[in-house]
Amino acid sequence: MQVTTTQADLLPHISTEQGVPQAATMEVPTSATVAQEAGSGSYTFFGFLEVDYSLSISPPQIKVDLFINALGQKIRIAGVDLNPNHPTAKIGGSALGFKAEVELSFDFNTYILTIKATGCAPFVGCKTGSTTIHL
């Protein structure tokens, strides 16, 4: 996964919550981690943006939830169910002063989930990256 970093706000259409903790500092890793079990798992971008997914065969759909995992808290900010009639979506939101947005696409023929992520952390800036997951 190639990660791009910028100080520019890549998500100006998503507002952050008021009252960002003043002591909020964070190192944002440039690598992502993945954990997966038989059709479900999670993928973490930039150290704070977590995408959880779960595949169901009957009816065919993949449930995706987006979390901000920072400052000792894990907060769900968005979720979507993808199915053969609606295999793509863009979801996002903010929590704890962090902003995140993902573009999702699932190929129901090959069982490949594609995730394009953008995340913005207070005082650090924004990062973009993408990955494909073979379920």
N, C-alpha and C. Protein backbone atom coordinates (compact mmCIF):
# COMPACT_ATOMS: atom_id res chain seq x y z
N MET A 1 0.84 -1.17 0.00
CA MET A 1 0.00 0.00 0.00
C MET A 1 0.89 1.23 0.00
N GLN A 2 0.72 2.09 -0.97
CA GLN A 2 1.42 3.36 -1.02
C GLN A 2 0.59 4.38 -0.26
N VAL A 3 1.25 5.12 0.65
CA VAL A 3 0.56 6.12 1.46
C VAL A 3 1.06 7.50 1.07
N THR A 4 0.13 8.43 0.90
CA THR A 4 0.45 9.81 0.59
C THR A 4 0.10 10.66 1.79
N THR A 5 0.98 11.59 2.16
CA THR A 5 0.76 12.45 3.32
C THR A 5 0.73 13.91 2.88
N THR A 6 -0.15 14.70 3.51
CA THR A 6 -0.24 16.13 3.21
C THR A 6 -0.74 16.87 4.44
N GLN A 7 -0.39 18.13 4.56
CA GLN A 7 -0.92 18.97 5.63
C GLN A 7 -2.27 19.58 5.23
N ALA A 8 -2.60 19.54 3.93
CA ALA A 8 -3.88 20.07 3.45
C ALA A 8 -5.02 19.19 3.95
N ASP A 9 -6.15 19.80 4.25
CA ASP A 9 -7.34 19.07 4.67
C ASP A 9 -7.97 18.42 3.45
N LEU A 10 -7.84 17.10 3.34
CA LEU A 10 -8.39 16.37 2.20
C LEU A 10 -9.87 16.06 2.37
N LEU A 11 -10.42 16.35 3.54
CA LEU A 11 -11.83 16.07 3.81
C LEU A 11 -12.55 17.32 4.33
N PRO A 12 -12.52 18.42 3.57
CA PRO A 12 -13.15 19.65 4.07
C PRO A 12 -14.66 19.53 4.24
N HIS A 13 -15.28 18.58 3.55
CA HIS A 13 -16.73 18.38 3.64
C HIS A 13 -17.15 17.64 4.91
N ILE A 14 -16.18 17.13 5.68
CA ILE A 14 -16.47 16.47 6.95
C ILE A 14 -15.98 17.37 8.07
N SER A 15 -16.89 17.77 8.95
CA SER A 15 -16.49 18.64 10.06
C SER A 15 -16.02 17.79 11.23
N THR A 16 -15.11 18.34 12.01
CA THR A 16 -14.65 17.64 13.20
C THR A 16 -15.48 18.08 14.38
N GLU A 17 -15.47 17.26 15.40
CA GLU A 17 -16.21 17.60 16.62
C GLU A 17 -15.53 18.76 17.32
N GLN A 18 -16.31 19.51 18.08
CA GLN A 18 -15.76 20.60 18.89
C GLN A 18 -15.02 20.01 20.09
N GLY A 19 -14.07 20.76 20.59
CA GLY A 19 -13.38 20.36 21.82
C GLY A 19 -12.37 19.26 21.63
N VAL A 20 -11.54 19.34 20.61
CA VAL A 20 -10.47 18.37 20.44
C VAL A 20 -9.52 18.49 21.63
N PRO A 21 -9.19 17.40 22.29
CA PRO A 21 -8.29 17.48 23.44
C PRO A 21 -6.97 18.15 23.06
N GLN A 22 -6.54 19.12 23.85
CA GLN A 22 -5.33 19.87 23.55
C GLN A 22 -4.09 18.99 23.58
N ALA A 23 -4.10 17.95 24.42
CA ALA A 23 -2.94 17.08 24.53
C ALA A 23 -2.92 15.99 23.47
N ALA A 24 -3.81 16.06 22.53
CA ALA A 24 -3.90 15.00 21.51
C ALA A 24 -2.73 15.09 20.54
N THR A 25 -1.78 14.22 20.72
CA THR A 25 -0.67 14.10 19.79
C THR A 25 -0.61 12.64 19.41
N MET A 26 -0.18 12.38 18.20
CA MET A 26 -0.20 11.01 17.75
C MET A 26 0.81 10.80 16.65
N GLU A 27 1.54 9.70 16.74
CA GLU A 27 2.35 9.27 15.62
C GLU A 27 1.45 8.47 14.72
N VAL A 28 1.44 8.79 13.45
CA VAL A 28 0.57 8.09 12.52
C VAL A 28 1.43 7.19 11.64
N PRO A 29 1.38 5.87 11.87
CA PRO A 29 2.19 4.96 11.06
C PRO A 29 1.81 5.03 9.59
N THR A 30 2.78 4.77 8.73
CA THR A 30 2.50 4.78 7.31
C THR A 30 2.12 3.40 6.80
N SER A 31 2.21 2.39 7.63
CA SER A 31 1.82 1.06 7.20
C SER A 31 0.46 0.71 7.79
N ALA A 32 -0.18 -0.29 7.22
CA ALA A 32 -1.48 -0.73 7.71
C ALA A 32 -1.34 -2.14 8.26
N THR A 33 -2.25 -2.51 9.12
CA THR A 33 -2.26 -3.86 9.66
C THR A 33 -3.56 -4.53 9.27
N VAL A 34 -3.52 -5.84 9.16
CA VAL A 34 -4.73 -6.56 8.78
C VAL A 34 -4.88 -7.80 9.66
N ALA A 35 -6.12 -8.09 10.02
CA ALA A 35 -6.47 -9.32 10.72
C ALA A 35 -7.67 -9.89 9.99
N GLN A 36 -7.65 -11.17 9.73
CA GLN A 36 -8.75 -11.74 8.94
C GLN A 36 -9.07 -13.16 9.39
N GLU A 37 -10.34 -13.49 9.44
CA GLU A 37 -10.84 -14.84 9.70
C GLU A 37 -11.95 -15.12 8.71
N ALA A 38 -11.98 -16.26 8.12
CA ALA A 38 -13.04 -16.77 7.24
C ALA A 38 -14.14 -15.78 6.89
N GLY A 39 -13.87 -14.84 5.99
CA GLY A 39 -14.89 -13.93 5.50
C GLY A 39 -15.12 -12.71 6.34
N SER A 40 -14.38 -12.54 7.42
CA SER A 40 -14.52 -11.33 8.21
C SER A 40 -13.15 -10.92 8.74
N GLY A 41 -13.03 -9.66 9.09
CA GLY A 41 -11.76 -9.18 9.61
C GLY A 41 -11.78 -7.68 9.74
N SER A 42 -10.61 -7.12 9.93
CA SER A 42 -10.48 -5.67 10.02
C SER A 42 -9.17 -5.24 9.39
N TYR A 43 -9.15 -4.00 8.95
CA TYR A 43 -7.96 -3.43 8.33
C TYR A 43 -7.78 -2.04 8.93
N THR A 44 -6.60 -1.75 9.42
CA THR A 44 -6.32 -0.46 10.04
C THR A 44 -5.41 0.36 9.16
N PHE A 45 -5.87 1.56 8.82
CA PHE A 45 -5.08 2.51 8.05
C PHE A 45 -4.54 3.57 9.01
N PHE A 46 -3.29 3.94 8.84
CA PHE A 46 -2.69 5.11 9.47
C PHE A 46 -2.71 5.06 10.99
N GLY A 47 -2.97 3.93 11.59
CA GLY A 47 -2.95 3.79 13.03
C GLY A 47 -4.23 4.17 13.75
N PHE A 48 -5.20 4.78 13.05
CA PHE A 48 -6.43 5.21 13.74
C PHE A 48 -7.71 4.95 12.98
N LEU A 49 -7.66 4.67 11.70
CA LEU A 49 -8.85 4.46 10.88
C LEU A 49 -9.02 2.95 10.70
N GLU A 50 -10.05 2.38 11.30
CA GLU A 50 -10.27 0.94 11.25
C GLU A 50 -11.50 0.62 10.41
N VAL A 51 -11.34 -0.32 9.49
CA VAL A 51 -12.43 -0.80 8.65
C VAL A 51 -12.68 -2.26 9.01
N ASP A 52 -13.87 -2.54 9.56
CA ASP A 52 -14.26 -3.92 9.88
C ASP A 52 -15.21 -4.41 8.80
N TYR A 53 -15.05 -5.67 8.39
CA TYR A 53 -15.90 -6.22 7.33
C TYR A 53 -16.29 -7.65 7.67
N SER A 54 -17.48 -8.03 7.17
CA SER A 54 -17.99 -9.37 7.39
C SER A 54 -18.81 -9.79 6.18
N LEU A 55 -18.44 -10.91 5.59
CA LEU A 55 -19.10 -11.43 4.39
C LEU A 55 -20.14 -12.46 4.76
N SER A 56 -21.32 -12.34 4.17
CA SER A 56 -22.36 -13.34 4.32
C SER A 56 -22.70 -13.86 2.92
N ILE A 57 -22.85 -15.16 2.81
CA ILE A 57 -23.08 -15.77 1.50
C ILE A 57 -24.56 -15.78 1.12
N SER A 58 -25.44 -15.99 2.10
CA SER A 58 -26.87 -16.06 1.79
C SER A 58 -27.67 -15.19 2.76
N PRO A 59 -28.19 -14.09 2.30
CA PRO A 59 -28.04 -13.50 0.97
C PRO A 59 -26.63 -12.93 0.81
N PRO A 60 -26.15 -12.84 -0.42
CA PRO A 60 -24.80 -12.33 -0.62
C PRO A 60 -24.70 -10.84 -0.27
N GLN A 61 -23.89 -10.54 0.74
CA GLN A 61 -23.64 -9.15 1.12
C GLN A 61 -22.38 -9.08 1.96
N ILE A 62 -21.81 -7.90 2.02
CA ILE A 62 -20.67 -7.66 2.89
C ILE A 62 -21.00 -6.43 3.73
N LYS A 63 -20.93 -6.60 5.04
CA LYS A 63 -21.20 -5.52 5.98
C LYS A 63 -19.87 -4.86 6.32
N VAL A 64 -19.82 -3.53 6.21
CA VAL A 64 -18.60 -2.79 6.49
C VAL A 64 -18.90 -1.68 7.50
N ASP A 65 -18.07 -1.60 8.54
CA ASP A 65 -18.18 -0.55 9.55
C ASP A 65 -16.87 0.21 9.62
N LEU A 66 -16.97 1.52 9.80
CA LEU A 66 -15.81 2.41 9.86
C LEU A 66 -15.70 2.97 11.27
N PHE A 67 -14.50 2.86 11.85
CA PHE A 67 -14.25 3.30 13.22
C PHE A 67 -13.08 4.27 13.27
N ILE A 68 -13.14 5.19 14.22
CA ILE A 68 -11.97 5.96 14.64
C ILE A 68 -11.51 5.27 15.92
N ASN A 69 -10.26 4.83 15.92
CA ASN A 69 -9.69 4.11 17.05
C ASN A 69 -8.49 4.91 17.53
N ALA A 70 -8.73 5.83 18.49
CA ALA A 70 -7.68 6.73 18.93
C ALA A 70 -7.95 7.21 20.35
N LEU A 71 -6.92 7.69 20.99
CA LEU A 71 -7.02 8.28 22.32
C LEU A 71 -7.70 7.34 23.30
N GLY A 72 -7.45 6.03 23.12
CA GLY A 72 -8.01 5.03 24.01
C GLY A 72 -9.48 4.71 23.78
N GLN A 73 -10.03 5.18 22.67
CA GLN A 73 -11.44 4.94 22.37
C GLN A 73 -11.60 4.39 20.96
N LYS A 74 -12.65 3.59 20.77
CA LYS A 74 -13.01 3.08 19.45
C LYS A 74 -14.45 3.49 19.20
N ILE A 75 -14.64 4.40 18.22
CA ILE A 75 -15.95 4.97 17.95
C ILE A 75 -16.37 4.66 16.52
N ARG A 76 -17.55 4.05 16.38
CA ARG A 76 -18.10 3.76 15.05
C ARG A 76 -18.63 5.07 14.46
N ILE A 77 -18.17 5.41 13.25
CA ILE A 77 -18.61 6.65 12.62
C ILE A 77 -19.48 6.42 11.39
N ALA A 78 -19.47 5.22 10.83
CA ALA A 78 -20.29 4.95 9.64
C ALA A 78 -20.32 3.45 9.38
N GLY A 79 -21.31 3.06 8.57
CA GLY A 79 -21.41 1.67 8.18
C GLY A 79 -22.27 1.53 6.93
N VAL A 80 -22.09 0.43 6.22
CA VAL A 80 -22.85 0.19 4.99
C VAL A 80 -22.87 -1.31 4.71
N ASP A 81 -23.93 -1.76 4.05
CA ASP A 81 -24.01 -3.13 3.56
C ASP A 81 -23.91 -3.08 2.04
N LEU A 82 -22.93 -3.78 1.48
CA LEU A 82 -22.78 -3.88 0.04
C LEU A 82 -23.42 -5.19 -0.42
N ASN A 83 -24.10 -5.14 -1.57
CA ASN A 83 -24.72 -6.35 -2.13
C ASN A 83 -24.55 -6.30 -3.65
N PRO A 84 -24.93 -7.37 -4.36
CA PRO A 84 -24.73 -7.38 -5.81
C PRO A 84 -25.41 -6.22 -6.55
N ASN A 85 -26.50 -5.69 -6.02
CA ASN A 85 -27.16 -4.55 -6.66
C ASN A 85 -26.48 -3.22 -6.32
N HIS A 86 -25.78 -3.16 -5.21
CA HIS A 86 -25.08 -1.95 -4.75
C HIS A 86 -23.70 -2.36 -4.24
N PRO A 87 -22.76 -2.66 -5.15
CA PRO A 87 -21.45 -3.17 -4.74
C PRO A 87 -20.43 -2.10 -4.37
N THR A 88 -20.80 -0.81 -4.45
CA THR A 88 -19.86 0.26 -4.12
C THR A 88 -20.52 1.26 -3.16
N ALA A 89 -19.69 1.96 -2.40
CA ALA A 89 -20.20 2.99 -1.49
C ALA A 89 -19.05 3.87 -1.05
N LYS A 90 -19.40 5.07 -0.60
CA LYS A 90 -18.44 5.98 0.03
C LYS A 90 -19.06 6.38 1.36
N ILE A 91 -18.32 6.14 2.46
CA ILE A 91 -18.80 6.48 3.78
C ILE A 91 -17.71 7.23 4.54
N GLY A 92 -18.11 8.01 5.53
CA GLY A 92 -17.13 8.72 6.33
C GLY A 92 -17.76 9.44 7.49
N GLY A 93 -16.92 10.09 8.27
CA GLY A 93 -17.39 10.85 9.42
C GLY A 93 -16.21 11.29 10.26
N SER A 94 -16.52 11.75 11.48
CA SER A 94 -15.46 12.22 12.36
C SER A 94 -15.76 11.87 13.81
N ALA A 95 -14.70 11.82 14.60
CA ALA A 95 -14.81 11.61 16.05
C ALA A 95 -13.47 11.99 16.66
N LEU A 96 -13.52 12.55 17.85
CA LEU A 96 -12.32 12.88 18.62
C LEU A 96 -11.38 13.83 17.87
N GLY A 97 -11.91 14.60 16.92
CA GLY A 97 -11.08 15.50 16.13
C GLY A 97 -10.45 14.85 14.91
N PHE A 98 -10.65 13.55 14.73
CA PHE A 98 -10.14 12.80 13.59
C PHE A 98 -11.24 12.73 12.53
N LYS A 99 -10.84 12.72 11.25
CA LYS A 99 -11.80 12.58 10.15
C LYS A 99 -11.38 11.41 9.29
N ALA A 100 -12.39 10.72 8.72
CA ALA A 100 -12.08 9.57 7.87
C ALA A 100 -13.14 9.40 6.80
N GLU A 101 -12.70 8.89 5.66
CA GLU A 101 -13.62 8.57 4.57
C GLU A 101 -13.03 7.40 3.81
N VAL A 102 -13.89 6.44 3.43
CA VAL A 102 -13.44 5.31 2.61
C VAL A 102 -14.37 5.13 1.43
N GLU A 103 -13.77 4.76 0.31
CA GLU A 103 -14.51 4.33 -0.88
C GLU A 103 -14.37 2.81 -0.92
N LEU A 104 -15.50 2.13 -1.00
CA LEU A 104 -15.53 0.68 -0.95
C LEU A 104 -16.07 0.10 -2.24
N SER A 105 -15.51 -1.02 -2.64
CA SER A 105 -16.01 -1.74 -3.80
C SER A 105 -15.79 -3.23 -3.54
N PHE A 106 -16.84 -4.02 -3.76
CA PHE A 106 -16.72 -5.46 -3.58
C PHE A 106 -17.15 -6.17 -4.85
N ASP A 107 -16.27 -7.04 -5.35
CA ASP A 107 -16.57 -7.84 -6.54
C ASP A 107 -17.13 -9.18 -6.07
N PHE A 108 -18.42 -9.39 -6.28
CA PHE A 108 -19.08 -10.60 -5.81
C PHE A 108 -18.72 -11.84 -6.65
N ASN A 109 -18.03 -11.66 -7.76
CA ASN A 109 -17.56 -12.80 -8.55
C ASN A 109 -16.21 -13.30 -8.07
N THR A 110 -15.33 -12.38 -7.70
CA THR A 110 -13.97 -12.75 -7.29
C THR A 110 -13.76 -12.67 -5.78
N TYR A 111 -14.75 -12.12 -5.05
CA TYR A 111 -14.67 -11.93 -3.60
C TYR A 111 -13.47 -11.07 -3.21
N ILE A 112 -13.31 -9.97 -3.93
CA ILE A 112 -12.25 -9.01 -3.63
C ILE A 112 -12.87 -7.70 -3.16
N LEU A 113 -12.45 -7.26 -1.97
CA LEU A 113 -12.87 -5.99 -1.40
C LEU A 113 -11.76 -4.97 -1.63
N THR A 114 -12.10 -3.86 -2.26
CA THR A 114 -11.15 -2.77 -2.49
C THR A 114 -11.53 -1.61 -1.59
N ILE A 115 -10.54 -1.09 -0.85
CA ILE A 115 -10.77 0.01 0.07
C ILE A 115 -9.78 1.13 -0.26
N LYS A 116 -10.32 2.33 -0.53
CA LYS A 116 -9.50 3.53 -0.70
C LYS A 116 -9.82 4.42 0.49
N ALA A 117 -8.82 4.74 1.30
CA ALA A 117 -9.04 5.45 2.55
C ALA A 117 -8.35 6.80 2.58
N THR A 118 -9.00 7.75 3.25
CA THR A 118 -8.42 9.04 3.56
C THR A 118 -8.69 9.30 5.03
N GLY A 119 -7.64 9.66 5.76
CA GLY A 119 -7.80 9.95 7.18
C GLY A 119 -7.03 11.20 7.55
N CYS A 120 -7.62 12.00 8.44
CA CYS A 120 -6.98 13.23 8.90
C CYS A 120 -6.90 13.20 10.42
N ALA A 121 -5.70 13.43 10.94
CA ALA A 121 -5.46 13.44 12.38
C ALA A 121 -5.11 14.85 12.83
N PRO A 122 -5.56 15.25 14.02
CA PRO A 122 -5.24 16.59 14.52
C PRO A 122 -3.73 16.79 14.60
N PHE A 123 -3.28 17.94 14.17
CA PHE A 123 -1.88 18.37 14.25
C PHE A 123 -0.93 17.57 13.37
N VAL A 124 -1.40 16.50 12.73
CA VAL A 124 -0.55 15.64 11.91
C VAL A 124 -0.78 15.87 10.43
N GLY A 125 -2.05 16.02 10.05
CA GLY A 125 -2.40 16.20 8.65
C GLY A 125 -3.19 15.02 8.14
N CYS A 126 -3.24 14.88 6.82
CA CYS A 126 -4.06 13.85 6.19
C CYS A 126 -3.20 12.86 5.42
N LYS A 127 -3.71 11.64 5.33
CA LYS A 127 -3.05 10.57 4.58
C LYS A 127 -4.08 9.87 3.72
N THR A 128 -3.63 9.35 2.61
CA THR A 128 -4.47 8.51 1.76
C THR A 128 -3.74 7.21 1.48
N GLY A 129 -4.51 6.15 1.27
CA GLY A 129 -3.94 4.86 0.95
C GLY A 129 -5.04 3.93 0.49
N SER A 130 -4.65 2.78 -0.03
CA SER A 130 -5.66 1.82 -0.49
C SER A 130 -5.12 0.41 -0.34
N THR A 131 -6.06 -0.53 -0.37
CA THR A 131 -5.68 -1.94 -0.29
C THR A 131 -6.77 -2.78 -0.95
N THR A 132 -6.43 -4.00 -1.31
CA THR A 132 -7.42 -4.99 -1.75
C THR A 132 -7.32 -6.19 -0.83
N ILE A 133 -8.47 -6.74 -0.48
CA ILE A 133 -8.54 -7.88 0.42
C ILE A 133 -9.27 -9.00 -0.29
N HIS A 134 -8.64 -10.16 -0.37
CA HIS A 134 -9.25 -11.33 -1.01
C HIS A 134 -9.94 -12.15 0.07
N LEU A 135 -11.26 -12.22 0.00
CA LEU A 135 -12.03 -12.96 1.00
C LEU A 135 -12.26 -14.40 0.56
